[in-house]
N, C-alpha and C. Protein backbone atom coordinates (compact mmCIF):
# COMPACT_ATOMS: atom_id res chain seq x y z
N MET A 1 16.51 -41.17 27.24
CA MET A 1 16.12 -40.61 25.95
C MET A 1 16.88 -41.29 24.82
N ARG A 2 18.20 -41.54 25.09
CA ARG A 2 19.04 -42.17 24.08
C ARG A 2 18.60 -43.60 23.84
N ASP A 3 18.23 -44.32 24.94
CA ASP A 3 17.81 -45.71 24.81
C ASP A 3 16.51 -45.82 24.02
N SER A 4 15.58 -44.87 24.24
CA SER A 4 14.30 -44.92 23.53
C SER A 4 14.50 -44.65 22.03
N THR A 5 15.44 -43.78 21.70
CA THR A 5 15.72 -43.50 20.29
C THR A 5 16.32 -44.72 19.61
N GLN A 6 17.23 -45.38 20.27
CA GLN A 6 17.84 -46.59 19.70
C GLN A 6 16.80 -47.68 19.53
N THR A 7 15.89 -47.77 20.50
CA THR A 7 14.84 -48.78 20.41
C THR A 7 13.95 -48.52 19.20
N MET A 8 13.64 -47.23 18.93
CA MET A 8 12.81 -46.87 17.78
C MET A 8 13.51 -47.22 16.48
N TYR A 9 14.82 -46.97 16.40
CA TYR A 9 15.59 -47.31 15.21
C TYR A 9 15.60 -48.82 14.98
N HIS A 10 15.75 -49.58 16.04
CA HIS A 10 15.78 -51.04 15.92
C HIS A 10 14.45 -51.58 15.41
N ARG A 11 13.38 -50.97 15.91
CA ARG A 11 12.05 -51.41 15.47
C ARG A 11 11.84 -51.09 13.99
N PHE A 12 12.25 -49.90 13.58
CA PHE A 12 12.09 -49.52 12.18
C PHE A 12 12.94 -50.40 11.28
N ALA A 13 14.17 -50.68 11.70
CA ALA A 13 15.04 -51.56 10.91
C ALA A 13 14.45 -52.95 10.81
N GLY A 14 13.85 -53.41 11.90
CA GLY A 14 13.23 -54.72 11.86
C GLY A 14 12.04 -54.75 10.91
N LEU A 15 11.26 -53.64 10.85
CA LEU A 15 10.13 -53.56 9.94
C LEU A 15 10.60 -53.60 8.48
N VAL A 16 11.71 -52.91 8.21
CA VAL A 16 12.24 -52.89 6.84
C VAL A 16 12.74 -54.27 6.45
N LEU A 17 13.38 -54.96 7.39
CA LEU A 17 13.91 -56.29 7.09
C LEU A 17 12.79 -57.32 6.90
N ARG A 18 11.71 -57.15 7.64
CA ARG A 18 10.61 -58.10 7.52
C ARG A 18 9.76 -57.86 6.27
N HIS A 19 9.63 -56.59 5.82
CA HIS A 19 8.80 -56.27 4.66
C HIS A 19 9.59 -55.41 3.66
N PRO A 20 10.64 -55.94 3.06
CA PRO A 20 11.46 -55.11 2.15
C PRO A 20 10.69 -54.70 0.90
N PHE A 21 9.92 -55.61 0.34
CA PHE A 21 9.21 -55.28 -0.89
C PHE A 21 8.09 -54.26 -0.63
N GLY A 22 7.44 -54.34 0.49
CA GLY A 22 6.40 -53.36 0.82
C GLY A 22 6.98 -51.97 0.99
N ILE A 23 8.15 -51.89 1.64
CA ILE A 23 8.80 -50.59 1.83
C ILE A 23 9.21 -49.99 0.48
N LEU A 24 9.76 -50.84 -0.40
CA LEU A 24 10.16 -50.34 -1.73
C LEU A 24 8.95 -49.90 -2.55
N LEU A 25 7.85 -50.68 -2.43
CA LEU A 25 6.64 -50.31 -3.16
C LEU A 25 6.08 -48.97 -2.66
N ALA A 26 6.07 -48.79 -1.35
CA ALA A 26 5.58 -47.53 -0.78
C ALA A 26 6.45 -46.35 -1.22
N ALA A 27 7.80 -46.58 -1.25
CA ALA A 27 8.70 -45.53 -1.70
C ALA A 27 8.47 -45.19 -3.16
N ALA A 28 8.26 -46.24 -3.99
CA ALA A 28 8.01 -46.00 -5.42
C ALA A 28 6.71 -45.24 -5.63
N LEU A 29 5.67 -45.61 -4.88
CA LEU A 29 4.39 -44.89 -4.99
C LEU A 29 4.54 -43.43 -4.54
N GLY A 30 5.33 -43.21 -3.51
CA GLY A 30 5.57 -41.84 -3.06
C GLY A 30 6.26 -41.00 -4.11
N VAL A 31 7.26 -41.61 -4.79
CA VAL A 31 7.98 -40.89 -5.85
C VAL A 31 7.04 -40.57 -7.01
N ILE A 32 6.22 -41.54 -7.41
CA ILE A 32 5.28 -41.31 -8.53
C ILE A 32 4.28 -40.21 -8.18
N LEU A 33 3.77 -40.28 -6.94
CA LEU A 33 2.81 -39.26 -6.50
C LEU A 33 3.46 -37.87 -6.46
N SER A 34 4.70 -37.80 -6.01
CA SER A 34 5.41 -36.52 -5.96
C SER A 34 5.62 -35.94 -7.35
N LEU A 35 6.02 -36.82 -8.32
CA LEU A 35 6.22 -36.36 -9.69
C LEU A 35 4.91 -35.89 -10.31
N LEU A 36 3.82 -36.63 -10.00
CA LEU A 36 2.52 -36.23 -10.54
C LEU A 36 2.08 -34.89 -9.98
N MET A 37 2.24 -34.67 -8.69
CA MET A 37 1.86 -33.40 -8.08
C MET A 37 2.74 -32.26 -8.60
N THR A 38 4.03 -32.55 -8.83
CA THR A 38 4.92 -31.52 -9.36
C THR A 38 4.52 -31.12 -10.77
N ALA A 39 4.18 -32.09 -11.60
CA ALA A 39 3.83 -31.80 -12.99
C ALA A 39 2.51 -31.06 -13.13
N THR A 40 1.58 -31.30 -12.21
CA THR A 40 0.25 -30.72 -12.36
C THR A 40 -0.01 -29.52 -11.45
N GLN A 41 0.70 -29.40 -10.33
CA GLN A 41 0.38 -28.36 -9.37
C GLN A 41 1.49 -27.33 -9.17
N LEU A 42 2.73 -27.70 -9.44
CA LEU A 42 3.83 -26.78 -9.17
C LEU A 42 3.88 -25.69 -10.24
N THR A 43 3.87 -24.42 -9.81
CA THR A 43 3.96 -23.28 -10.72
C THR A 43 4.98 -22.29 -10.19
N PHE A 44 5.45 -21.44 -11.07
CA PHE A 44 6.41 -20.40 -10.72
C PHE A 44 5.74 -19.04 -10.92
N GLN A 45 5.68 -18.24 -9.86
CA GLN A 45 5.11 -16.90 -9.93
C GLN A 45 6.27 -15.91 -10.01
N THR A 46 6.43 -15.29 -11.17
CA THR A 46 7.53 -14.35 -11.38
C THR A 46 7.09 -12.89 -11.22
N ASN A 47 5.80 -12.66 -11.00
CA ASN A 47 5.30 -11.30 -10.83
C ASN A 47 5.56 -10.85 -9.39
N ARG A 48 6.22 -9.71 -9.24
CA ARG A 48 6.52 -9.22 -7.90
C ARG A 48 5.28 -8.80 -7.14
N LEU A 49 4.19 -8.51 -7.86
CA LEU A 49 2.95 -8.14 -7.18
C LEU A 49 2.36 -9.29 -6.40
N ASP A 50 2.77 -10.54 -6.73
CA ASP A 50 2.27 -11.69 -6.00
C ASP A 50 2.78 -11.73 -4.56
N LEU A 51 3.81 -10.93 -4.28
CA LEU A 51 4.30 -10.83 -2.91
C LEU A 51 3.39 -9.98 -2.04
N ILE A 52 2.44 -9.25 -2.70
CA ILE A 52 1.52 -8.38 -1.98
C ILE A 52 0.17 -9.08 -1.87
N ALA A 53 -0.50 -8.91 -0.77
CA ALA A 53 -1.80 -9.54 -0.56
C ALA A 53 -2.78 -9.10 -1.64
N SER A 54 -3.62 -10.03 -2.07
CA SER A 54 -4.56 -9.74 -3.15
C SER A 54 -5.58 -8.69 -2.75
N GLY A 55 -5.81 -8.48 -1.47
CA GLY A 55 -6.78 -7.49 -1.02
C GLY A 55 -6.21 -6.10 -0.90
N ASN A 56 -4.91 -5.93 -1.16
CA ASN A 56 -4.29 -4.62 -1.07
C ASN A 56 -4.88 -3.68 -2.12
N HIS A 57 -5.11 -2.41 -1.74
CA HIS A 57 -5.76 -1.45 -2.65
C HIS A 57 -4.93 -1.22 -3.90
N TYR A 58 -3.62 -1.05 -3.74
CA TYR A 58 -2.76 -0.80 -4.91
C TYR A 58 -2.66 -2.05 -5.79
N ARG A 59 -2.70 -3.22 -5.17
CA ARG A 59 -2.71 -4.45 -5.96
C ARG A 59 -3.97 -4.53 -6.80
N GLN A 60 -5.10 -4.17 -6.24
CA GLN A 60 -6.36 -4.17 -6.98
C GLN A 60 -6.34 -3.16 -8.12
N LEU A 61 -5.74 -1.99 -7.87
CA LEU A 61 -5.62 -1.01 -8.95
C LEU A 61 -4.74 -1.53 -10.07
N GLY A 62 -3.64 -2.21 -9.71
CA GLY A 62 -2.77 -2.78 -10.74
C GLY A 62 -3.46 -3.86 -11.55
N ASP A 63 -4.24 -4.69 -10.88
CA ASP A 63 -4.99 -5.74 -11.60
C ASP A 63 -6.02 -5.11 -12.53
N ALA A 64 -6.70 -4.06 -12.07
CA ALA A 64 -7.68 -3.39 -12.92
C ALA A 64 -7.02 -2.74 -14.14
N TYR A 65 -5.81 -2.18 -13.93
CA TYR A 65 -5.08 -1.59 -15.07
C TYR A 65 -4.71 -2.65 -16.09
N ASP A 66 -4.25 -3.81 -15.61
CA ASP A 66 -3.88 -4.89 -16.53
C ASP A 66 -5.09 -5.39 -17.31
N ARG A 67 -6.25 -5.49 -16.64
CA ARG A 67 -7.45 -5.93 -17.36
C ARG A 67 -7.90 -4.90 -18.38
N GLU A 68 -7.73 -3.61 -18.07
CA GLU A 68 -8.20 -2.56 -18.98
C GLU A 68 -7.31 -2.46 -20.21
N PHE A 69 -6.01 -2.54 -20.01
CA PHE A 69 -5.07 -2.34 -21.12
C PHE A 69 -4.43 -3.63 -21.61
N GLU A 70 -4.78 -4.75 -20.99
CA GLU A 70 -4.28 -6.05 -21.42
C GLU A 70 -2.76 -6.00 -21.60
N ALA A 71 -2.08 -5.68 -20.52
CA ALA A 71 -0.63 -5.53 -20.57
C ALA A 71 0.04 -6.81 -21.03
N LEU A 72 0.92 -6.70 -21.99
CA LEU A 72 1.65 -7.84 -22.53
C LEU A 72 3.15 -7.59 -22.38
N PRO A 73 3.95 -8.65 -22.27
CA PRO A 73 5.40 -8.44 -22.19
C PRO A 73 5.93 -7.84 -23.48
N GLY A 74 6.85 -6.93 -23.35
CA GLY A 74 7.43 -6.30 -24.52
C GLY A 74 6.66 -5.09 -25.00
N ASP A 75 5.88 -4.44 -24.10
CA ASP A 75 5.14 -3.25 -24.49
C ASP A 75 6.10 -2.10 -24.82
N VAL A 76 5.70 -1.28 -25.76
CA VAL A 76 6.49 -0.12 -26.17
C VAL A 76 5.59 1.10 -26.10
N ILE A 77 6.04 2.15 -25.43
CA ILE A 77 5.30 3.40 -25.33
C ILE A 77 5.96 4.42 -26.25
N VAL A 78 5.18 4.98 -27.16
CA VAL A 78 5.68 5.96 -28.12
C VAL A 78 5.19 7.34 -27.71
N VAL A 79 6.09 8.27 -27.55
CA VAL A 79 5.77 9.64 -27.17
C VAL A 79 5.99 10.54 -28.37
N ILE A 80 4.97 11.31 -28.73
CA ILE A 80 5.04 12.21 -29.88
C ILE A 80 5.05 13.64 -29.35
N ARG A 81 6.05 14.40 -29.75
CA ARG A 81 6.17 15.78 -29.33
C ARG A 81 6.09 16.68 -30.56
N ALA A 82 5.20 17.64 -30.51
CA ALA A 82 5.01 18.55 -31.65
C ALA A 82 4.64 19.93 -31.13
N GLU A 83 4.89 20.94 -31.95
CA GLU A 83 4.55 22.31 -31.56
C GLU A 83 3.03 22.51 -31.54
N ARG A 84 2.33 21.81 -32.40
CA ARG A 84 0.87 21.93 -32.46
C ARG A 84 0.23 20.60 -32.07
N PRO A 85 -0.71 20.61 -31.13
CA PRO A 85 -1.37 19.36 -30.73
C PRO A 85 -2.06 18.66 -31.89
N GLU A 86 -2.57 19.43 -32.85
CA GLU A 86 -3.26 18.81 -33.98
C GLU A 86 -2.30 17.95 -34.80
N ALA A 87 -1.06 18.41 -34.95
CA ALA A 87 -0.07 17.64 -35.70
C ALA A 87 0.28 16.34 -34.97
N ALA A 88 0.39 16.42 -33.64
CA ALA A 88 0.69 15.21 -32.86
C ALA A 88 -0.46 14.20 -32.95
N LYS A 89 -1.70 14.69 -32.89
CA LYS A 89 -2.86 13.79 -32.98
C LYS A 89 -2.92 13.14 -34.37
N ALA A 90 -2.64 13.93 -35.41
CA ALA A 90 -2.68 13.37 -36.77
C ALA A 90 -1.62 12.30 -36.94
N LEU A 91 -0.42 12.54 -36.41
CA LEU A 91 0.65 11.55 -36.52
C LEU A 91 0.31 10.30 -35.72
N ALA A 92 -0.25 10.45 -34.52
CA ALA A 92 -0.63 9.29 -33.71
C ALA A 92 -1.68 8.45 -34.42
N THR A 93 -2.64 9.11 -35.05
CA THR A 93 -3.68 8.37 -35.79
C THR A 93 -3.08 7.62 -36.97
N ALA A 94 -2.19 8.29 -37.71
CA ALA A 94 -1.56 7.64 -38.87
C ALA A 94 -0.72 6.44 -38.45
N LEU A 95 0.06 6.59 -37.38
CA LEU A 95 0.88 5.48 -36.90
C LEU A 95 0.01 4.32 -36.41
N ALA A 96 -1.06 4.65 -35.70
CA ALA A 96 -1.94 3.59 -35.18
C ALA A 96 -2.58 2.81 -36.31
N GLN A 97 -3.03 3.51 -37.35
CA GLN A 97 -3.64 2.82 -38.48
C GLN A 97 -2.63 1.96 -39.22
N ARG A 98 -1.41 2.41 -39.30
CA ARG A 98 -0.37 1.63 -39.98
C ARG A 98 0.04 0.42 -39.15
N TRP A 99 0.24 0.62 -37.87
CA TRP A 99 0.69 -0.49 -37.03
C TRP A 99 -0.42 -1.51 -36.76
N ALA A 100 -1.68 -1.08 -36.88
CA ALA A 100 -2.79 -2.01 -36.64
C ALA A 100 -2.80 -3.15 -37.65
N THR A 101 -2.23 -2.91 -38.84
CA THR A 101 -2.18 -3.94 -39.87
C THR A 101 -0.84 -4.67 -39.91
N ASP A 102 0.05 -4.33 -38.98
CA ASP A 102 1.36 -4.98 -38.93
C ASP A 102 1.23 -6.33 -38.23
N PRO A 103 1.58 -7.45 -38.89
CA PRO A 103 1.42 -8.76 -38.25
C PRO A 103 2.35 -8.98 -37.07
N HIS A 104 3.41 -8.18 -36.94
CA HIS A 104 4.36 -8.35 -35.84
C HIS A 104 3.91 -7.61 -34.57
N ILE A 105 2.83 -6.85 -34.65
CA ILE A 105 2.34 -6.08 -33.50
C ILE A 105 0.99 -6.65 -33.10
N ASP A 106 0.88 -7.07 -31.85
CA ASP A 106 -0.35 -7.69 -31.38
C ASP A 106 -1.48 -6.69 -31.20
N GLN A 107 -1.22 -5.61 -30.47
CA GLN A 107 -2.26 -4.63 -30.19
C GLN A 107 -1.67 -3.23 -30.22
N VAL A 108 -2.52 -2.27 -30.58
CA VAL A 108 -2.13 -0.86 -30.63
C VAL A 108 -3.14 -0.07 -29.81
N TRP A 109 -2.65 0.62 -28.79
CA TRP A 109 -3.49 1.49 -27.97
C TRP A 109 -3.05 2.93 -28.22
N TYR A 110 -3.91 3.72 -28.82
CA TYR A 110 -3.55 5.12 -29.06
C TYR A 110 -4.69 6.07 -28.69
N ARG A 111 -5.82 5.52 -28.32
CA ARG A 111 -6.94 6.37 -27.93
C ARG A 111 -7.75 5.63 -26.87
N ILE A 112 -8.04 6.33 -25.78
CA ILE A 112 -8.79 5.72 -24.68
C ILE A 112 -10.02 6.58 -24.41
N ASN A 113 -10.99 5.96 -23.78
CA ASN A 113 -12.21 6.66 -23.40
C ASN A 113 -11.95 7.46 -22.13
N VAL A 114 -12.08 8.77 -22.22
CA VAL A 114 -11.76 9.64 -21.08
C VAL A 114 -13.01 10.03 -20.30
N ASP A 115 -14.14 9.38 -20.57
CA ASP A 115 -15.35 9.72 -19.83
C ASP A 115 -15.19 9.47 -18.34
N ALA A 116 -14.42 8.44 -18.00
CA ALA A 116 -14.23 8.14 -16.58
C ALA A 116 -13.41 9.21 -15.86
N LEU A 117 -12.69 10.05 -16.61
CA LEU A 117 -11.85 11.09 -16.00
C LEU A 117 -12.56 12.42 -15.89
N LYS A 118 -13.77 12.55 -16.45
CA LYS A 118 -14.43 13.85 -16.48
C LYS A 118 -14.76 14.34 -15.07
N ASN A 119 -15.13 13.43 -14.17
CA ASN A 119 -15.45 13.88 -12.82
C ASN A 119 -14.20 14.18 -12.00
N LYS A 120 -13.02 13.99 -12.58
CA LYS A 120 -11.77 14.33 -11.90
C LYS A 120 -11.00 15.40 -12.67
N ALA A 121 -11.70 16.16 -13.52
CA ALA A 121 -11.02 17.14 -14.37
C ALA A 121 -10.33 18.22 -13.55
N LEU A 122 -10.91 18.59 -12.42
CA LEU A 122 -10.30 19.64 -11.60
C LEU A 122 -8.94 19.22 -11.05
N LEU A 123 -8.69 17.93 -10.94
CA LEU A 123 -7.39 17.47 -10.43
C LEU A 123 -6.26 17.77 -11.40
N TYR A 124 -6.57 18.05 -12.66
CA TYR A 124 -5.54 18.29 -13.66
C TYR A 124 -5.24 19.78 -13.83
N LEU A 125 -5.92 20.64 -13.10
CA LEU A 125 -5.66 22.06 -13.17
C LEU A 125 -4.53 22.44 -12.21
N SER A 126 -3.81 23.47 -12.57
CA SER A 126 -2.76 23.96 -11.70
C SER A 126 -3.38 24.74 -10.53
N PRO A 127 -2.63 24.92 -9.45
CA PRO A 127 -3.18 25.70 -8.33
C PRO A 127 -3.61 27.11 -8.73
N ASP A 128 -2.88 27.75 -9.64
CA ASP A 128 -3.26 29.09 -10.08
C ASP A 128 -4.60 29.06 -10.83
N ASP A 129 -4.78 28.04 -11.69
CA ASP A 129 -6.05 27.93 -12.42
C ASP A 129 -7.20 27.65 -11.46
N LEU A 130 -6.95 26.84 -10.44
CA LEU A 130 -8.00 26.55 -9.47
C LEU A 130 -8.39 27.81 -8.69
N MET A 131 -7.41 28.61 -8.31
CA MET A 131 -7.71 29.85 -7.60
C MET A 131 -8.47 30.82 -8.50
N ALA A 132 -8.09 30.89 -9.78
CA ALA A 132 -8.82 31.76 -10.71
C ALA A 132 -10.25 31.30 -10.91
N LEU A 133 -10.45 29.98 -11.02
CA LEU A 133 -11.80 29.45 -11.17
C LEU A 133 -12.63 29.72 -9.92
N ARG A 134 -12.02 29.56 -8.76
CA ARG A 134 -12.74 29.84 -7.52
C ARG A 134 -13.15 31.30 -7.45
N GLN A 135 -12.27 32.19 -7.87
CA GLN A 135 -12.59 33.61 -7.84
C GLN A 135 -13.73 33.94 -8.80
N LYS A 136 -13.73 33.32 -9.98
CA LYS A 136 -14.81 33.56 -10.94
C LYS A 136 -16.15 33.07 -10.39
N LEU A 137 -16.15 31.91 -9.75
CA LEU A 137 -17.39 31.40 -9.17
C LEU A 137 -17.90 32.31 -8.06
N GLN A 138 -16.98 32.85 -7.27
CA GLN A 138 -17.40 33.77 -6.22
C GLN A 138 -17.93 35.08 -6.80
N ASP A 139 -17.27 35.57 -7.86
CA ASP A 139 -17.71 36.83 -8.46
C ASP A 139 -19.08 36.70 -9.11
N HIS A 140 -19.39 35.53 -9.64
CA HIS A 140 -20.66 35.32 -10.35
C HIS A 140 -21.60 34.41 -9.57
N GLN A 141 -21.46 34.36 -8.25
CA GLN A 141 -22.28 33.48 -7.45
C GLN A 141 -23.77 33.85 -7.55
N ALA A 142 -24.06 35.15 -7.48
CA ALA A 142 -25.46 35.58 -7.59
C ALA A 142 -26.04 35.23 -8.95
N PHE A 143 -25.24 35.41 -9.99
CA PHE A 143 -25.69 35.07 -11.35
C PHE A 143 -26.05 33.59 -11.45
N LEU A 144 -25.20 32.71 -10.92
CA LEU A 144 -25.44 31.28 -11.01
C LEU A 144 -26.66 30.86 -10.18
N GLU A 145 -26.80 31.46 -9.00
CA GLU A 145 -27.94 31.11 -8.16
C GLU A 145 -29.26 31.52 -8.80
N GLU A 146 -29.30 32.71 -9.39
CA GLU A 146 -30.53 33.18 -10.04
C GLU A 146 -30.84 32.34 -11.27
N LEU A 147 -29.81 31.97 -12.03
CA LEU A 147 -30.04 31.15 -13.22
C LEU A 147 -30.54 29.76 -12.84
N THR A 148 -30.01 29.21 -11.74
CA THR A 148 -30.45 27.88 -11.30
C THR A 148 -31.91 27.92 -10.86
N ALA A 149 -32.32 29.04 -10.25
CA ALA A 149 -33.71 29.15 -9.80
C ALA A 149 -34.69 29.22 -10.97
N ALA A 150 -34.27 29.83 -12.09
CA ALA A 150 -35.15 29.94 -13.26
C ALA A 150 -34.31 29.73 -14.52
N PRO A 151 -34.02 28.48 -14.88
CA PRO A 151 -33.13 28.20 -16.02
C PRO A 151 -33.85 28.28 -17.36
N THR A 152 -34.22 29.46 -17.75
CA THR A 152 -34.85 29.67 -19.06
C THR A 152 -33.94 30.53 -19.92
N VAL A 153 -34.14 30.46 -21.23
CA VAL A 153 -33.31 31.25 -22.15
C VAL A 153 -33.55 32.74 -21.93
N GLN A 154 -34.81 33.14 -21.76
CA GLN A 154 -35.12 34.55 -21.55
C GLN A 154 -34.44 35.09 -20.29
N HIS A 155 -34.51 34.31 -19.20
CA HIS A 155 -33.88 34.73 -17.96
C HIS A 155 -32.36 34.75 -18.09
N LEU A 156 -31.82 33.78 -18.82
CA LEU A 156 -30.37 33.74 -19.00
C LEU A 156 -29.88 34.96 -19.76
N LEU A 157 -30.56 35.33 -20.84
CA LEU A 157 -30.15 36.51 -21.61
C LEU A 157 -30.29 37.78 -20.77
N ALA A 158 -31.34 37.84 -19.94
CA ALA A 158 -31.50 39.01 -19.08
C ALA A 158 -30.37 39.11 -18.07
N LEU A 159 -29.97 37.97 -17.51
CA LEU A 159 -28.86 37.98 -16.55
C LEU A 159 -27.54 38.35 -17.23
N ILE A 160 -27.32 37.84 -18.43
CA ILE A 160 -26.09 38.19 -19.15
C ILE A 160 -26.07 39.68 -19.46
N ASN A 161 -27.21 40.22 -19.86
CA ASN A 161 -27.29 41.65 -20.15
C ASN A 161 -26.98 42.47 -18.90
N ARG A 162 -27.48 42.01 -17.75
CA ARG A 162 -27.19 42.72 -16.51
C ARG A 162 -25.71 42.64 -16.15
N GLU A 163 -25.11 41.44 -16.31
CA GLU A 163 -23.69 41.28 -16.00
C GLU A 163 -22.83 42.14 -16.91
N MET A 164 -23.19 42.20 -18.20
CA MET A 164 -22.42 43.02 -19.14
C MET A 164 -22.55 44.50 -18.81
N SER A 165 -23.75 44.93 -18.47
CA SER A 165 -23.95 46.34 -18.12
C SER A 165 -23.15 46.71 -16.89
N THR A 166 -23.16 45.83 -15.89
CA THR A 166 -22.39 46.10 -14.67
C THR A 166 -20.90 46.16 -14.96
N ALA A 167 -20.42 45.23 -15.80
CA ALA A 167 -18.99 45.22 -16.14
C ALA A 167 -18.59 46.46 -16.93
N LEU A 168 -19.44 46.87 -17.87
CA LEU A 168 -19.11 48.04 -18.69
C LEU A 168 -19.11 49.31 -17.85
N VAL A 169 -20.11 49.43 -16.96
CA VAL A 169 -20.15 50.61 -16.09
C VAL A 169 -18.93 50.64 -15.18
N GLY A 170 -18.56 49.48 -14.62
CA GLY A 170 -17.39 49.44 -13.77
C GLY A 170 -16.12 49.76 -14.52
N GLN A 171 -16.04 49.34 -15.79
CA GLN A 171 -14.84 49.63 -16.57
C GLN A 171 -14.75 51.11 -16.91
N VAL A 172 -15.90 51.74 -17.17
CA VAL A 172 -15.89 53.17 -17.50
C VAL A 172 -15.42 54.00 -16.32
N PHE A 173 -15.93 53.68 -15.12
CA PHE A 173 -15.56 54.47 -13.95
C PHE A 173 -14.13 54.20 -13.52
N THR A 174 -13.69 52.93 -13.58
CA THR A 174 -12.31 52.64 -13.17
C THR A 174 -11.33 53.12 -14.22
N GLY A 175 -11.78 53.32 -15.47
CA GLY A 175 -10.88 53.80 -16.52
C GLY A 175 -10.35 55.18 -16.24
N PHE A 176 -11.14 56.02 -15.55
CA PHE A 176 -10.68 57.36 -15.23
C PHE A 176 -9.57 57.36 -14.19
N LEU A 177 -9.53 56.30 -13.39
CA LEU A 177 -8.54 56.22 -12.32
C LEU A 177 -7.27 55.51 -12.73
N GLN A 178 -7.27 54.87 -13.90
CA GLN A 178 -6.11 54.11 -14.34
C GLN A 178 -5.19 54.98 -15.18
N ASP A 179 -3.93 54.56 -15.19
CA ASP A 179 -2.94 55.23 -16.02
C ASP A 179 -3.24 54.94 -17.49
N ASP A 180 -2.97 55.89 -18.36
CA ASP A 180 -3.23 55.71 -19.78
C ASP A 180 -2.42 54.56 -20.36
N HIS A 181 -1.25 54.29 -19.78
CA HIS A 181 -0.40 53.22 -20.28
C HIS A 181 -0.76 51.86 -19.68
N GLN A 182 -1.65 51.85 -18.72
CA GLN A 182 -2.01 50.59 -18.08
C GLN A 182 -3.03 49.85 -18.95
N ALA A 183 -2.77 48.57 -19.14
CA ALA A 183 -3.64 47.78 -20.01
C ALA A 183 -5.00 47.59 -19.36
N LYS A 184 -6.04 47.73 -20.18
CA LYS A 184 -7.40 47.55 -19.71
C LYS A 184 -7.96 46.28 -20.32
N GLU A 185 -8.38 45.36 -19.46
CA GLU A 185 -8.92 44.10 -19.94
C GLU A 185 -10.40 44.28 -20.29
N PRO A 186 -10.79 43.95 -21.51
CA PRO A 186 -12.20 44.09 -21.90
C PRO A 186 -13.04 43.03 -21.21
N PRO A 187 -14.34 43.25 -21.10
CA PRO A 187 -15.21 42.22 -20.49
C PRO A 187 -15.15 40.92 -21.28
N ASP A 188 -15.24 39.82 -20.54
CA ASP A 188 -15.19 38.49 -21.16
C ASP A 188 -16.56 38.16 -21.76
N LEU A 189 -16.63 38.11 -23.07
CA LEU A 189 -17.89 37.83 -23.77
C LEU A 189 -17.92 36.42 -24.36
N SER A 190 -16.99 35.56 -23.93
CA SER A 190 -16.91 34.23 -24.52
C SER A 190 -18.18 33.42 -24.26
N LEU A 191 -18.75 33.54 -23.05
CA LEU A 191 -19.97 32.81 -22.75
C LEU A 191 -21.13 33.27 -23.63
N LEU A 192 -21.28 34.58 -23.79
CA LEU A 192 -22.37 35.09 -24.62
C LEU A 192 -22.19 34.69 -26.08
N VAL A 193 -20.96 34.78 -26.58
CA VAL A 193 -20.70 34.40 -27.97
C VAL A 193 -21.00 32.91 -28.20
N ALA A 194 -20.51 32.06 -27.29
CA ALA A 194 -20.76 30.63 -27.42
C ALA A 194 -22.25 30.32 -27.34
N LEU A 195 -22.97 31.01 -26.44
CA LEU A 195 -24.40 30.79 -26.29
C LEU A 195 -25.15 31.17 -27.56
N LEU A 196 -24.84 32.34 -28.12
CA LEU A 196 -25.52 32.77 -29.33
C LEU A 196 -25.20 31.86 -30.51
N GLN A 197 -23.97 31.37 -30.58
CA GLN A 197 -23.61 30.45 -31.67
C GLN A 197 -24.41 29.15 -31.57
N GLN A 198 -24.54 28.62 -30.35
CA GLN A 198 -25.30 27.38 -30.17
C GLN A 198 -26.79 27.59 -30.46
N LEU A 199 -27.33 28.71 -30.03
CA LEU A 199 -28.74 29.00 -30.32
C LEU A 199 -28.97 29.14 -31.82
N ASN A 200 -28.03 29.80 -32.49
CA ASN A 200 -28.17 29.98 -33.93
C ASN A 200 -28.08 28.65 -34.67
N GLN A 201 -27.14 27.78 -34.24
CA GLN A 201 -27.01 26.48 -34.89
C GLN A 201 -28.18 25.55 -34.56
N ALA A 202 -28.76 25.73 -33.36
CA ALA A 202 -29.88 24.88 -32.99
C ALA A 202 -31.10 25.14 -33.85
N LEU A 203 -31.18 26.34 -34.45
CA LEU A 203 -32.29 26.64 -35.34
C LEU A 203 -32.19 25.89 -36.66
N ASP A 204 -30.97 25.47 -37.00
CA ASP A 204 -30.77 24.72 -38.24
C ASP A 204 -30.78 23.24 -37.92
N ALA A 205 -31.90 22.58 -38.13
CA ALA A 205 -31.99 21.14 -37.88
C ALA A 205 -31.07 20.41 -38.83
N PRO A 206 -30.50 19.26 -38.47
CA PRO A 206 -30.76 18.53 -37.20
C PRO A 206 -29.71 18.80 -36.14
N HIS A 207 -29.14 20.02 -36.10
CA HIS A 207 -28.10 20.30 -35.11
C HIS A 207 -28.69 20.22 -33.70
N ALA A 208 -28.01 19.52 -32.80
CA ALA A 208 -28.44 19.39 -31.42
C ALA A 208 -27.78 20.47 -30.59
N TYR A 209 -28.55 21.13 -29.78
CA TYR A 209 -28.03 22.20 -28.95
C TYR A 209 -27.12 21.64 -27.87
N GLN A 210 -25.98 22.29 -27.70
CA GLN A 210 -25.03 21.90 -26.65
C GLN A 210 -24.77 23.13 -25.78
N SER A 211 -25.11 22.99 -24.52
CA SER A 211 -24.94 24.12 -23.62
C SER A 211 -23.45 24.44 -23.43
N PRO A 212 -23.07 25.70 -23.61
CA PRO A 212 -21.65 26.05 -23.39
C PRO A 212 -21.30 26.08 -21.92
């Protein structure tokens, strides 16, 4: 093995001695080609997400977020805290309008389209709110099924009248059994009030009716 290695070295040395200019030319071409490839193809990836496969689900979500919000280096998130949500919204709008004309700020994001989140609205409710909503749907299951079978205004008002009558009768009878100091919750008329308001406004053109 040692003799064959020495023989290979001797042959290579002999090739270099016989063609010195060819070897130097080949080396020079190799260096030029390496520099050209380095200048045109070598890049540095500083994003840690590049360590994750491009087909990864979370990687795809991150790429979609970057495309949606056009993330730039040096982003600043401003949090506004106020006792009234209206005051916070007014301040956010005022700041956005002012910063939008600032030449030192590239982009201002202060309002996004939430239509894509509407089908996930239940995910933002607390467990207690979800249980309360489930109970309401169960309590009014017959009402919803009958309304779905015949979704007319006349039928809807008749069903609401029946629900109100049942609630009032139940409150009258249970009132005799309750303590005088115990708070009595009145029937919820918010749906009826909202419905009548929309019907009344729909009569005044060009208001478009919006189902409550």
